[in-house]
């Protein structure tokens, strides 16, 4: 079973279908170009050569656009992560509550504090599911471990009546924590997934 940490797949700029088709077309047309040239049909060979060159230029522009979009997305996401790291734990809870409200949740409230029993943010989805979120505003080198998940797992369903239990962090989860989450149906949102959620490049936790 895979590790359940919810990460958003990062966009990339692979060769893709267009690049593969171009490479295949070039491979098929190269012998034809040589034959046409050998048969004295230089005009036809030149036309095909120009056609291939135009397709290559178009493909190059497309890949450049994809690379630019990827850089922009990563810049936005890194900015979001840095912003969350600069917050106090309480401000981070309010930031997560804002994301829930922004994305359509109802009855959103921050419940974190003494005696919260692991529930920092409470909300309800538009289809009536109760969301219970624990927020871990940790530094990038401090991982959320299995004991953190176990404490939350002991209350999120039995005490708070969660339909969707989520732990959100500005860091990452240990492997034992991720394994515990699988067993206990807890959704994990690490720094990368949080940045994607905040910048609309990834799903909200209840949509995973």
Protein backbone atom coordinates (compact mmCIF):
# COMPACT_ATOMS: atom_id res chain seq x y z
CA UNK A 1 0.00 0.00 0.00
CA UNK A 2 1.36 3.40 -0.90
CA UNK A 3 2.22 6.13 1.56
CA UNK A 4 -0.90 8.31 1.96
CA UNK A 5 0.72 11.72 2.20
CA UNK A 6 -1.32 13.87 -0.16
CA UNK A 7 1.15 15.45 -2.54
CA UNK A 8 0.14 17.29 -5.63
CA UNK A 9 1.91 16.03 -8.72
CA UNK A 10 4.24 18.73 -9.86
CA UNK A 11 3.79 19.83 -13.47
CA UNK A 12 6.66 18.93 -15.70
CA UNK A 13 7.66 19.55 -19.26
CA UNK A 14 8.28 16.08 -20.73
CA UNK A 15 8.57 15.32 -24.40
CA UNK A 16 4.89 14.35 -24.31
CA UNK A 17 2.62 13.20 -27.12
CA UNK A 18 3.46 16.13 -29.37
CA UNK A 19 7.19 15.57 -29.03
CA UNK A 20 6.85 11.85 -29.69
CA UNK A 21 4.75 12.47 -32.79
CA UNK A 22 7.27 15.00 -34.07
CA UNK A 23 10.15 12.57 -33.52
CA UNK A 24 8.24 9.78 -35.27
CA UNK A 25 7.31 12.04 -38.19
CA UNK A 26 10.90 13.20 -38.56
CA UNK A 27 12.13 9.60 -38.57
CA UNK A 28 9.58 8.61 -41.24
CA UNK A 29 10.15 11.65 -43.44
CA UNK A 30 13.94 11.61 -43.39
CA UNK A 31 14.21 8.72 -45.91
CA UNK A 32 11.56 10.38 -48.08
CA UNK A 33 13.55 13.61 -48.09
CA UNK A 34 16.67 11.76 -49.19
CA UNK A 35 14.81 9.92 -51.96
CA UNK A 36 13.17 13.09 -53.23
CA UNK A 37 16.51 14.86 -53.25
CA UNK A 38 18.15 11.95 -55.06
CA UNK A 39 15.33 11.92 -57.65
CA UNK A 40 15.87 15.60 -58.37
CA UNK A 41 12.72 16.77 -56.60
CA UNK A 42 14.53 19.43 -54.62
CA UNK A 43 11.45 21.65 -54.31
CA UNK A 44 9.43 18.87 -52.68
CA UNK A 45 12.29 18.01 -50.36
CA UNK A 46 12.67 21.65 -49.39
CA UNK A 47 8.93 21.92 -48.68
CA UNK A 48 9.02 18.90 -46.36
CA UNK A 49 12.13 20.23 -44.66
CA UNK A 50 10.43 23.58 -44.01
CA UNK A 51 7.35 21.78 -42.74
CA UNK A 52 9.43 19.82 -40.26
CA UNK A 53 11.29 22.94 -39.18
CA UNK A 54 8.01 24.78 -38.56
CA UNK A 55 6.67 21.91 -36.49
CA UNK A 56 9.90 21.83 -34.48
CA UNK A 57 9.68 25.56 -33.76
CA UNK A 58 6.05 25.26 -32.65
CA UNK A 59 6.93 22.38 -30.36
CA UNK A 60 9.82 24.35 -28.90
CA UNK A 61 7.54 27.30 -28.14
CA UNK A 62 5.01 25.02 -26.49
CA UNK A 63 7.67 23.46 -24.27
CA UNK A 64 8.96 26.93 -23.36
CA UNK A 65 5.44 27.96 -22.29
CA UNK A 66 5.09 24.81 -20.19
CA UNK A 67 8.43 25.46 -18.51
CA UNK A 68 7.43 29.08 -17.77
CA UNK A 69 4.12 27.93 -16.27
CA UNK A 70 5.96 25.38 -14.12
CA UNK A 71 8.37 28.05 -12.83
CA UNK A 72 5.44 30.35 -12.02
CA UNK A 73 3.57 27.62 -10.12
CA UNK A 74 6.65 26.67 -8.10
CA UNK A 75 7.32 30.33 -7.30
CA UNK A 76 3.76 30.78 -6.01
CA UNK A 77 3.94 27.61 -3.96
CA UNK A 78 7.32 28.41 -2.41
CA UNK A 79 6.00 31.86 -1.49
CA UNK A 80 2.98 30.31 0.23
CA UNK A 81 5.13 27.88 2.23
CA UNK A 82 7.44 30.69 3.34
CA UNK A 83 4.43 32.76 4.40
CA UNK A 84 3.02 29.94 6.51
CA UNK A 85 6.39 29.30 8.16
CA UNK A 86 6.47 32.94 9.26
CA UNK A 87 3.10 32.67 11.05
CA UNK A 88 2.45 31.86 14.66
CA UNK A 89 0.66 28.54 15.27
CA UNK A 90 -2.57 30.43 15.99
CA UNK A 91 -2.29 32.51 12.83
CA UNK A 92 -1.65 29.31 10.88
CA UNK A 93 -4.90 27.84 12.20
CA UNK A 94 -6.76 30.92 11.00
CA UNK A 95 -5.04 30.66 7.61
CA UNK A 96 -6.26 27.09 7.22
CA UNK A 97 -9.76 28.15 8.27
CA UNK A 98 -9.65 30.83 5.60
CA UNK A 99 -8.77 28.24 2.93
CA UNK A 100 -11.71 26.10 4.02
CA UNK A 101 -14.09 29.03 3.84
CA UNK A 102 -12.63 30.19 0.53
CA UNK A 103 -13.25 26.79 -0.99
CA UNK A 104 -16.89 26.60 -0.01
CA UNK A 105 -17.02 25.11 3.48
CA UNK A 106 -19.75 26.19 5.89
CA UNK A 107 -19.72 26.79 9.65
CA UNK A 108 -15.94 27.23 9.65
CA UNK A 109 -14.43 28.00 13.02
CA UNK A 110 -11.06 27.88 14.73
CA UNK A 111 -11.27 25.73 17.84
CA UNK A 112 -7.57 25.32 18.60
CA UNK A 113 -6.36 26.09 22.10
CA UNK A 114 -6.31 24.54 25.53
CA UNK A 115 -8.66 21.59 25.68
CA UNK A 116 -9.25 21.40 21.93
CA UNK A 117 -8.56 17.64 21.97
CA UNK A 118 -6.78 17.83 18.62
CA UNK A 119 -9.36 19.84 16.71
CA UNK A 120 -7.86 23.12 15.51
CA UNK A 121 -10.29 23.88 12.68
CA UNK A 122 -13.85 22.61 12.29
CA UNK A 123 -15.92 22.97 9.13
CA UNK A 124 -18.70 21.41 7.10
CA UNK A 125 -18.59 20.66 3.40
CA UNK A 126 -21.44 21.69 1.13
CA UNK A 127 -22.57 18.05 1.03
CA UNK A 128 -22.80 17.91 4.82
CA UNK A 129 -19.57 16.17 5.82
CA UNK A 130 -17.94 17.31 9.05
CA UNK A 131 -14.26 18.20 8.65
CA UNK A 132 -11.89 18.11 11.61
CA UNK A 133 -8.41 19.51 10.97
CA UNK A 134 -5.34 19.52 13.15
CA UNK A 135 -2.71 22.10 12.20
CA UNK A 136 1.01 21.53 12.70
CA UNK A 137 2.97 24.69 11.97
CA UNK A 138 6.41 23.06 12.11
CA UNK A 139 9.75 24.14 10.72
CA UNK A 140 10.94 22.42 7.54
CA UNK A 141 13.31 20.13 9.48
CA UNK A 142 10.76 19.03 12.10
CA UNK A 143 8.66 16.12 10.89
CA UNK A 144 5.19 15.21 12.09
CA UNK A 145 5.54 11.82 13.71
CA UNK A 146 3.35 8.86 14.53
CA UNK A 147 2.66 10.00 18.14
CA UNK A 148 1.13 13.22 16.76
CA UNK A 149 -1.14 11.21 14.49
CA UNK A 150 -2.08 8.77 17.26
CA UNK A 151 -3.20 11.56 19.58
CA UNK A 152 -5.34 13.05 16.81
CA UNK A 153 -6.64 9.65 15.75
CA UNK A 154 -7.88 9.02 19.27
CA UNK A 155 -10.27 12.00 19.18
CA UNK A 156 -11.05 13.06 15.60
CA UNK A 157 -13.77 10.45 15.08
CA UNK A 158 -14.87 9.38 18.55
CA UNK A 159 -14.94 12.86 20.15
CA UNK A 160 -15.38 15.29 17.27
CA UNK A 161 -17.50 13.12 14.97
CA UNK A 162 -15.38 13.70 11.89
CA UNK A 163 -16.40 12.47 8.47
CA UNK A 164 -13.11 13.82 7.10
CA UNK A 165 -10.11 13.92 9.45
CA UNK A 166 -7.10 15.93 8.25
CA UNK A 167 -3.67 16.84 9.54
CA UNK A 168 -2.08 19.82 7.78
CA UNK A 169 1.56 20.74 8.26
CA UNK A 170 4.14 23.16 6.94
CA UNK A 171 6.62 20.28 7.08
CA UNK A 172 6.45 16.58 6.17
CA UNK A 173 5.29 13.35 7.79
CA UNK A 174 7.41 10.44 8.92
CA UNK A 175 6.79 7.07 7.32
CA UNK A 176 5.25 5.59 10.51
CA UNK A 177 2.91 8.59 10.68
CA UNK A 178 1.87 8.04 7.08
CA UNK A 179 1.28 4.35 7.76
CA UNK A 180 -0.87 5.18 10.78
CA UNK A 181 -2.89 7.58 8.62
CA UNK A 182 -3.63 4.80 6.12
CA UNK A 183 -4.88 2.48 8.84
CA UNK A 184 -7.04 5.13 10.48
CA UNK A 185 -8.31 6.97 7.40
CA UNK A 186 -6.66 10.29 8.20
CA UNK A 187 -5.81 12.56 5.29
CA UNK A 188 -2.36 14.11 5.36
CA UNK A 189 -1.45 17.44 3.81
CA UNK A 190 2.26 18.20 3.83
CA UNK A 191 3.97 21.48 2.87
CA UNK A 192 3.88 20.76 -0.86
CA UNK A 193 0.20 19.76 -0.85
CA UNK A 194 -0.66 22.75 1.34
CA UNK A 195 1.06 25.15 -1.06
CA UNK A 196 -0.80 23.55 -3.97
CA UNK A 197 -4.13 23.86 -2.14
CA UNK A 198 -3.47 27.50 -1.30
CA UNK A 199 -2.54 28.41 -4.88
CA UNK A 200 -5.40 26.51 -6.54
CA UNK A 201 -2.93 24.10 -8.17
CA UNK A 202 -4.03 21.17 -6.02
CA UNK A 203 -7.21 19.90 -4.33
CA UNK A 204 -8.63 20.77 -0.94
CA UNK A 205 -8.21 17.93 1.61
CA UNK A 206 -11.86 16.87 1.49
CA UNK A 207 -11.61 16.53 -2.31
CA UNK A 208 -8.68 14.09 -2.19
